[in-house]
């Protein structure tokens, strides 16, 4: 009971110094998860203001990728810059404690608890356990727990980045690192351009083939992670140059301009999803560039942000991973139980949000928070539930 009380206290008002949280990433993380939840919310529960936001909800995942690339990259680059190298065992132990407990609990509920689902069929268990369910994912065939696709991308990123950082640290200067990052981003654009000229271009098979071949696979969704890593490298190794060349009065407006361009590109399509060549090639890097520039600006504005009453956003950011895991099945079960006749308009929005937040809080209290403490004991660090280690936060 004491542990639960302390967990609630940490969720309501997490101490800044003890938890090493930053408002800038928390604001983006909270916005990202709210966008994703709005995207998945059933259509009857979409009043007019939400209808204007919902078409862009799917972009929340790209914000998560940028955050993950930056936060994970910063952890590794700081160790390398300090001469400590890359501690693979520590890094992957940290990631395992952060990702697996809540994920495995929710995955178990999908397979063991009748009614806990957001679709009629689900992929085989081994696809989720091996984080390969985002390959050849066709929502028409296996539509349950499709949101795990982004966790697969994250997991592959966790395995690839540490050895890549170690290899690049052998070179003098950061030219090779910049070259690799640019290759990933430009190569992704070229790859999506090439894939588009196959089945994904056929209007009769869209959107399924577009999502299966372009949206879900890891190799086509590395833009945000790469940009986040490049930002982490720049701010870790060249902080003075970043402060001089990329001040917040410049990166902030540029980020908003890139975000406006992303919105305009989405508005050309009725449902907000750009399932065409421009969307495949331009939209992902443009959205990720907007997130990267805004993150850079917010990091520099941290002293000013800490003077604002933004604790509610910090609480949402803390719950972001649990919210990502449970919001779809919770919304599905509420809709089955109460029906669209009750869950419409603002009433539906309120019920869905309350249900999602309650379920996420339970998962955080019973699974995430205890395992974060256990992780800290294993790694012999002060216990915290830092947003620095959140994937979706994810």
Protein backbone atom coordinates (compact mmCIF):
# COMPACT_ATOMS: atom_id res chain seq x y z
CA UNK A 1 0.00 0.00 0.00
CA UNK A 2 2.85 2.38 0.83
CA UNK A 3 4.50 1.60 -2.51
CA UNK A 4 1.25 2.31 -4.37
CA UNK A 5 0.82 5.61 -2.49
CA UNK A 6 4.33 6.65 -3.43
CA UNK A 7 3.70 5.69 -7.04
CA UNK A 8 0.55 7.82 -7.13
CA UNK A 9 2.49 10.71 -5.63
CA UNK A 10 5.19 10.32 -8.28
CA UNK A 11 2.56 10.30 -11.01
CA UNK A 12 0.77 13.39 -9.70
CA UNK A 13 3.87 15.50 -9.17
CA UNK A 14 7.12 13.77 -10.08
CA UNK A 15 10.04 15.62 -8.50
CA UNK A 16 12.13 17.27 -11.21
CA UNK A 17 15.53 16.78 -9.63
CA UNK A 18 14.92 13.19 -8.56
CA UNK A 19 13.48 12.14 -11.90
CA UNK A 20 15.65 14.21 -14.22
CA UNK A 21 12.63 14.94 -16.39
CA UNK A 22 12.51 17.76 -18.88
CA UNK A 23 9.33 19.59 -19.80
CA UNK A 24 10.25 19.94 -23.48
CA UNK A 25 10.31 16.20 -24.31
CA UNK A 26 7.35 15.68 -21.99
CA UNK A 27 5.26 18.22 -23.90
CA UNK A 28 6.00 16.51 -27.20
CA UNK A 29 5.42 13.05 -25.73
CA UNK A 30 2.07 14.08 -24.24
CA UNK A 31 1.01 15.67 -27.53
CA UNK A 32 2.09 12.55 -29.44
CA UNK A 33 0.08 10.08 -27.35
CA UNK A 34 -3.01 12.33 -27.40
CA UNK A 35 -2.75 12.52 -31.19
CA UNK A 36 -2.50 8.74 -31.46
CA UNK A 37 -5.49 8.27 -29.14
CA UNK A 38 -7.52 10.77 -31.17
CA UNK A 39 -6.62 8.92 -34.37
CA UNK A 40 -7.94 5.61 -33.03
CA UNK A 41 -11.03 7.02 -31.33
CA UNK A 42 -14.26 5.66 -32.91
CA UNK A 43 -15.87 8.04 -35.39
CA UNK A 44 -19.11 8.69 -33.44
CA UNK A 45 -17.03 10.15 -30.59
CA UNK A 46 -15.54 12.91 -32.69
CA UNK A 47 -17.08 16.34 -32.13
CA UNK A 48 -16.22 19.10 -34.59
CA UNK A 49 -13.02 20.34 -32.86
CA UNK A 50 -11.69 16.78 -32.66
CA UNK A 51 -12.54 16.18 -36.31
CA UNK A 52 -10.07 18.91 -37.25
CA UNK A 53 -7.29 17.23 -35.24
CA UNK A 54 -8.00 13.54 -35.83
CA UNK A 55 -6.69 13.39 -39.44
CA UNK A 56 -3.20 14.17 -38.14
CA UNK A 57 -3.29 11.76 -35.21
CA UNK A 58 -1.23 9.10 -36.94
CA UNK A 59 1.72 11.54 -37.04
CA UNK A 60 2.09 11.09 -33.28
CA UNK A 61 4.13 7.95 -33.91
CA UNK A 62 6.70 9.97 -35.88
CA UNK A 63 7.04 12.32 -32.91
CA UNK A 64 7.70 9.28 -30.73
CA UNK A 65 10.40 8.08 -33.11
CA UNK A 66 12.20 11.44 -32.99
CA UNK A 67 12.02 11.49 -29.18
CA UNK A 68 13.32 7.95 -28.95
CA UNK A 69 16.17 8.63 -31.36
CA UNK A 70 17.21 11.69 -29.39
CA UNK A 71 16.88 10.27 -25.86
CA UNK A 72 18.46 6.89 -26.60
CA UNK A 73 21.13 8.45 -28.79
CA UNK A 74 21.99 10.98 -26.06
CA UNK A 75 22.48 8.19 -23.52
CA UNK A 76 24.98 6.44 -25.78
CA UNK A 77 26.80 9.54 -27.03
CA UNK A 78 27.31 10.89 -23.52
CA UNK A 79 29.06 7.68 -22.51
CA UNK A 80 31.21 7.70 -25.63
CA UNK A 81 32.09 11.38 -25.18
CA UNK A 82 33.07 10.65 -21.56
CA UNK A 83 35.36 7.83 -22.70
CA UNK A 84 33.20 5.07 -21.21
CA UNK A 85 32.42 3.38 -24.52
CA UNK A 86 29.21 1.43 -25.09
CA UNK A 87 28.05 -0.89 -22.32
CA UNK A 88 25.91 -3.32 -24.34
CA UNK A 89 24.79 -5.40 -21.37
CA UNK A 90 23.69 -2.38 -19.38
CA UNK A 91 21.95 -0.76 -22.32
CA UNK A 92 19.96 -3.83 -23.33
CA UNK A 93 19.12 -4.67 -19.70
CA UNK A 94 17.78 -1.16 -19.31
CA UNK A 95 15.69 -1.49 -22.47
CA UNK A 96 14.37 -4.92 -21.50
CA UNK A 97 13.12 -3.70 -18.11
CA UNK A 98 11.58 -0.64 -19.75
CA UNK A 99 9.81 -2.28 -22.68
CA UNK A 100 9.05 -5.92 -21.97
CA UNK A 101 7.05 -6.09 -18.69
CA UNK A 102 4.09 -3.92 -19.71
CA UNK A 103 4.22 -5.20 -23.29
CA UNK A 104 4.12 -8.86 -22.23
CA UNK A 105 1.29 -8.23 -19.77
CA UNK A 106 -0.85 -6.57 -22.43
CA UNK A 107 0.10 -9.22 -24.98
CA UNK A 108 -1.01 -11.91 -22.51
CA UNK A 109 -4.36 -10.17 -22.10
CA UNK A 110 -4.88 -10.22 -25.85
CA UNK A 111 -4.36 -13.97 -25.98
CA UNK A 112 -5.84 -15.04 -22.63
CA UNK A 113 -8.65 -12.63 -21.75
CA UNK A 114 -11.81 -13.00 -23.84
CA UNK A 115 -13.04 -9.65 -25.08
CA UNK A 116 -9.70 -7.87 -24.63
CA UNK A 117 -9.05 -7.03 -28.24
CA UNK A 118 -9.44 -4.36 -30.90
CA UNK A 119 -9.95 -6.66 -33.88
CA UNK A 120 -11.35 -10.02 -34.88
CA UNK A 121 -8.07 -11.78 -35.60
CA UNK A 122 -4.52 -11.50 -34.34
CA UNK A 123 -1.14 -12.62 -35.64
CA UNK A 124 0.55 -15.70 -34.13
CA UNK A 125 2.09 -15.16 -30.71
CA UNK A 126 5.62 -15.81 -31.94
CA UNK A 127 5.41 -12.81 -34.27
CA UNK A 128 4.85 -10.54 -31.28
CA UNK A 129 7.47 -12.25 -29.12
CA UNK A 130 10.10 -11.89 -31.85
CA UNK A 131 9.03 -8.34 -32.75
CA UNK A 132 8.47 -9.28 -36.38
CA UNK A 133 4.74 -8.61 -36.58
CA UNK A 134 5.32 -5.36 -38.54
CA UNK A 135 6.65 -7.31 -41.53
CA UNK A 136 3.98 -8.04 -44.17
CA UNK A 137 1.34 -6.70 -41.77
CA UNK A 138 -2.08 -6.66 -43.44
CA UNK A 139 -4.71 -5.17 -41.12
CA UNK A 140 -7.48 -6.76 -43.20
CA UNK A 141 -6.27 -10.22 -42.16
CA UNK A 142 -4.84 -9.66 -38.68
CA UNK A 143 -6.25 -6.44 -37.27
CA UNK A 144 -5.77 -6.89 -33.52
CA UNK A 145 -2.89 -5.19 -31.67
CA UNK A 146 -1.55 -3.70 -34.89
CA UNK A 147 -0.27 -0.77 -32.85
CA UNK A 148 2.62 -3.02 -31.78
CA UNK A 149 4.21 -2.37 -35.18
CA UNK A 150 5.97 0.74 -33.84
CA UNK A 151 7.35 -1.23 -30.88
CA UNK A 152 8.93 -3.60 -33.39
CA UNK A 153 10.64 -0.66 -35.10
CA UNK A 154 11.84 0.59 -31.70
CA UNK A 155 13.16 -2.84 -30.74
CA UNK A 156 15.12 -3.18 -33.97
CA UNK A 157 16.52 0.31 -33.33
CA UNK A 158 17.70 -0.73 -29.86
CA UNK A 159 19.65 -3.64 -31.32
CA UNK A 160 21.18 -1.70 -34.21
CA UNK A 161 22.17 1.64 -32.66
CA UNK A 162 24.69 0.60 -29.93
CA UNK A 163 27.03 -1.36 -32.24
CA UNK A 164 26.67 1.37 -34.86
CA UNK A 165 27.66 4.04 -32.32
CA UNK A 166 30.61 1.91 -31.21
CA UNK A 167 31.76 1.46 -34.82
CA UNK A 168 31.44 5.17 -35.62
CA UNK A 169 33.30 6.13 -32.45
CA UNK A 170 36.42 4.55 -33.97
CA UNK A 171 36.58 7.33 -36.57
CA UNK A 172 38.03 10.75 -35.95
CA UNK A 173 35.49 13.51 -36.30
CA UNK A 174 31.75 13.19 -36.83
CA UNK A 175 31.72 13.19 -40.61
CA UNK A 176 31.00 9.44 -40.84
CA UNK A 177 28.13 9.71 -38.36
CA UNK A 178 26.54 12.54 -40.33
CA UNK A 179 27.06 10.58 -43.55
CA UNK A 180 25.33 7.50 -42.08
CA UNK A 181 22.41 9.59 -40.81
CA UNK A 182 21.99 11.34 -44.16
CA UNK A 183 22.19 8.01 -45.96
CA UNK A 184 19.45 6.56 -43.77
CA UNK A 185 17.14 9.53 -44.34
CA UNK A 186 17.76 9.99 -48.06
CA UNK A 187 17.93 6.24 -48.59
CA UNK A 188 14.55 5.86 -46.92
CA UNK A 189 13.06 8.43 -49.26
CA UNK A 190 14.54 6.64 -52.27
CA UNK A 191 13.40 3.25 -50.99
CA UNK A 192 9.83 4.42 -50.51
CA UNK A 193 9.90 5.99 -53.98
CA UNK A 194 10.94 2.63 -55.43
CA UNK A 195 8.38 0.63 -53.42
CA UNK A 196 5.63 3.03 -54.47
CA UNK A 197 6.03 2.00 -58.09
CA UNK A 198 5.01 -1.54 -57.17
CA UNK A 199 1.73 -2.79 -55.65
CA UNK A 200 1.45 0.19 -53.31
CA UNK A 201 0.67 2.44 -56.29
CA UNK A 202 -2.41 0.41 -57.29
CA UNK A 203 -5.55 2.33 -56.15
CA UNK A 204 -7.49 -0.93 -55.99
CA UNK A 205 -5.21 -2.32 -53.25
CA UNK A 206 -4.73 0.86 -51.22
CA UNK A 207 -4.57 1.53 -48.34
CA UNK A 208 -3.69 -2.05 -47.35
CA UNK A 209 -0.68 -2.45 -49.64
CA UNK A 210 0.58 1.05 -48.89
CA UNK A 211 0.53 0.32 -45.15
CA UNK A 212 1.96 -3.18 -45.58
CA UNK A 213 4.85 -2.15 -47.83
CA UNK A 214 5.60 1.45 -46.86
CA UNK A 215 4.06 2.39 -43.51
CA UNK A 216 4.79 -0.59 -41.21
CA UNK A 217 8.23 -2.06 -42.17
CA UNK A 218 11.24 -1.01 -40.13
CA UNK A 219 13.41 -0.16 -43.14
CA UNK A 220 10.93 2.47 -44.35
CA UNK A 221 10.38 4.18 -40.98
CA UNK A 222 13.86 5.20 -39.82
CA UNK A 223 13.55 8.91 -40.64
CA UNK A 224 12.51 10.07 -37.18
CA UNK A 225 14.92 7.83 -35.31
CA UNK A 226 17.83 8.98 -37.50
CA UNK A 227 16.97 12.67 -37.06
CA UNK A 228 16.65 12.23 -33.31
CA UNK A 229 20.04 10.51 -33.14
CA UNK A 230 21.67 13.25 -35.23
CA UNK A 231 20.21 15.88 -32.90
CA UNK A 232 21.56 13.99 -29.89
CA UNK A 233 25.01 13.75 -31.47
CA UNK A 234 25.09 17.44 -32.29
CA UNK A 235 23.93 18.60 -28.86
CA UNK A 236 26.24 16.18 -27.05
CA UNK A 237 29.45 16.72 -29.01
CA UNK A 238 29.03 20.30 -30.29
CA UNK A 239 26.81 22.07 -27.72
CA UNK A 240 28.42 25.47 -28.25
CA UNK A 241 28.01 25.30 -32.02
CA UNK A 242 24.38 24.19 -31.70
CA UNK A 243 23.66 27.02 -29.28
CA UNK A 244 25.19 29.52 -31.73
CA UNK A 245 23.86 28.15 -35.02
CA UNK A 246 20.50 26.73 -33.91
CA UNK A 247 19.03 29.04 -31.25
CA UNK A 248 15.38 28.48 -30.24
CA UNK A 249 14.25 31.69 -31.95
CA UNK A 250 15.33 30.02 -35.21
CA UNK A 251 14.57 26.31 -34.67
CA UNK A 252 11.15 27.02 -33.16
CA UNK A 253 9.73 28.99 -36.13
CA UNK A 254 11.38 26.61 -38.60
CA UNK A 255 9.80 23.67 -36.77
CA UNK A 256 6.39 25.33 -36.91
CA UNK A 257 6.89 26.03 -40.61
CA UNK A 258 7.75 22.37 -41.26
CA UNK A 259 4.73 21.33 -39.20
CA UNK A 260 2.51 23.64 -41.26
CA UNK A 261 3.90 22.06 -44.43
CA UNK A 262 3.10 18.61 -43.02
CA UNK A 263 -0.46 19.67 -42.24
CA UNK A 264 -0.94 21.15 -45.71
CA UNK A 265 0.30 17.94 -47.29
CA UNK A 266 -2.13 15.92 -45.18
CA UNK A 267 -5.04 18.25 -45.96
CA UNK A 268 -4.79 17.33 -49.61
CA UNK A 269 -6.34 14.00 -48.67
CA UNK A 270 -9.82 13.50 -47.29
CA UNK A 271 -8.74 11.29 -44.39
CA UNK A 272 -5.47 13.09 -43.69
CA UNK A 273 -3.33 10.10 -44.65
CA UNK A 274 -1.17 10.80 -47.67
CA UNK A 275 -1.28 7.43 -49.40
CA UNK A 276 0.45 8.64 -52.54
CA UNK A 277 3.96 9.25 -53.88
CA UNK A 278 4.36 12.62 -52.16
CA UNK A 279 3.20 11.12 -48.90
CA UNK A 280 5.54 8.17 -49.21
CA UNK A 281 8.62 10.20 -50.08
CA UNK A 282 8.16 13.61 -48.46
CA UNK A 283 5.70 13.37 -45.58
CA UNK A 284 7.67 11.18 -43.18
CA UNK A 285 10.92 13.20 -43.27
CA UNK A 286 9.03 16.51 -43.22
CA UNK A 287 6.99 15.53 -40.15
CA UNK A 288 10.11 14.21 -38.44
CA UNK A 289 12.05 17.36 -39.30
CA UNK A 290 9.30 19.44 -37.71
CA UNK A 291 9.45 17.33 -34.54
CA UNK A 292 13.26 17.50 -34.45
CA UNK A 293 13.39 21.27 -34.79
CA UNK A 294 10.66 21.76 -32.18
CA UNK A 295 12.42 19.38 -29.79
CA UNK A 296 15.67 21.30 -30.24
CA UNK A 297 13.89 24.57 -29.45
CA UNK A 298 12.06 23.15 -26.42
CA UNK A 299 15.28 21.75 -24.97
CA UNK A 300 16.78 25.24 -25.06
CA UNK A 301 13.64 26.75 -23.54
CA UNK A 302 13.67 24.34 -20.59
CA UNK A 303 14.42 27.00 -17.91
CA UNK A 304 11.38 29.00 -19.01
CA UNK A 305 9.17 25.91 -19.28
CA UNK A 306 9.98 24.85 -15.73
CA UNK A 307 8.38 28.05 -14.45
CA UNK A 308 5.05 27.09 -16.04
CA UNK A 309 2.38 24.83 -14.44
CA UNK A 310 2.84 21.96 -16.88
CA UNK A 311 2.64 19.03 -14.44
CA UNK A 312 -0.51 17.59 -16.11
CA UNK A 313 1.46 17.15 -19.31
CA UNK A 314 4.21 15.43 -17.35
CA UNK A 315 1.65 13.01 -15.90
CA UNK A 316 0.31 12.19 -19.37
CA UNK A 317 3.88 11.76 -20.62
CA UNK A 318 4.60 9.38 -17.75
CA UNK A 319 1.62 7.26 -18.77
CA UNK A 320 2.36 7.49 -22.50
CA UNK A 321 3.71 3.97 -22.93
CA UNK A 322 0.87 2.35 -20.99
CA UNK A 323 -1.64 4.51 -22.84
CA UNK A 324 -0.20 3.41 -26.16
CA UNK A 325 -0.52 -0.25 -25.19
CA UNK A 326 -4.07 -0.21 -23.80
CA UNK A 327 -6.00 2.61 -25.44
CA UNK A 328 -7.20 0.64 -28.47
CA UNK A 329 -8.55 -2.46 -26.66
CA UNK A 330 -10.10 -0.27 -23.93
CA UNK A 331 -11.89 1.86 -26.51
CA UNK A 332 -13.01 -1.29 -28.33
CA UNK A 333 -14.39 -2.88 -25.17
CA UNK A 334 -16.18 0.32 -24.11
CA UNK A 335 -17.78 0.60 -27.53
CA UNK A 336 -18.94 -3.02 -27.38
CA UNK A 337 -20.36 -2.52 -23.89
CA UNK A 338 -22.07 0.86 -24.29
CA UNK A 339 -22.53 1.32 -28.03
CA UNK A 340 -22.26 4.35 -30.28
CA UNK A 341 -25.64 5.61 -29.05
CA UNK A 342 -24.05 6.48 -25.73
CA UNK A 343 -20.46 7.07 -26.80
CA UNK A 344 -20.99 9.92 -29.22
CA UNK A 345 -19.74 13.49 -29.26
CA UNK A 346 -18.14 14.94 -26.14
CA UNK A 347 -19.72 12.25 -23.97
CA UNK A 348 -17.90 9.58 -25.94
CA UNK A 349 -14.64 11.54 -25.83
CA UNK A 350 -14.90 11.84 -22.04
CA UNK A 351 -15.73 8.19 -21.47
CA UNK A 352 -12.98 6.98 -23.78
CA UNK A 353 -10.38 9.28 -22.22
CA UNK A 354 -11.32 8.32 -18.67
CA UNK A 355 -11.32 4.63 -19.54
CA UNK A 356 -7.93 4.89 -21.25
CA UNK A 357 -6.39 6.87 -18.40
CA UNK A 358 -7.72 4.53 -15.72
CA UNK A 359 -6.46 1.42 -17.53
CA UNK A 360 -3.07 3.04 -18.24
CA UNK A 361 -2.71 4.15 -14.63
CA UNK A 362 -3.39 0.63 -13.39
CA UNK A 363 -0.83 -0.80 -15.80
CA UNK A 364 1.71 1.83 -14.77
CA UNK A 365 1.15 1.28 -11.05
CA UNK A 366 1.16 -2.51 -11.15
CA UNK A 367 3.74 -3.18 -13.86
CA UNK A 368 5.71 -0.23 -15.23
CA UNK A 369 6.58 1.53 -11.99
CA UNK A 370 7.60 -1.60 -10.03
CA UNK A 371 9.79 -2.86 -12.86
CA UNK A 372 11.46 0.53 -13.24
CA UNK A 373 12.37 0.32 -9.56
CA UNK A 374 13.60 -3.23 -10.05
CA UNK A 375 15.64 -2.10 -13.04
CA UNK A 376 17.26 0.62 -10.97
CA UNK A 377 18.11 -1.87 -8.26
CA UNK A 378 19.62 -4.25 -10.80
CA UNK A 379 21.62 -1.46 -12.39
CA UNK A 380 22.37 0.05 -8.96
CA UNK A 381 20.94 3.44 -9.76
CA UNK A 382 18.56 5.65 -7.76
CA UNK A 383 15.00 4.54 -8.47
CA UNK A 384 13.09 6.73 -10.90
CA UNK A 385 10.47 6.54 -13.62
CA UNK A 386 12.26 8.84 -15.97
CA UNK A 387 10.74 9.83 -19.29
CA UNK A 388 14.28 9.69 -20.69
CA UNK A 389 13.84 5.94 -21.13
CA UNK A 390 10.34 5.96 -22.59
CA UNK A 391 10.02 4.55 -26.10
CA UNK A 392 6.55 5.99 -26.78
CA UNK A 393 6.48 7.36 -24.47
CA UNK A 394 6.02 5.15 -27.40
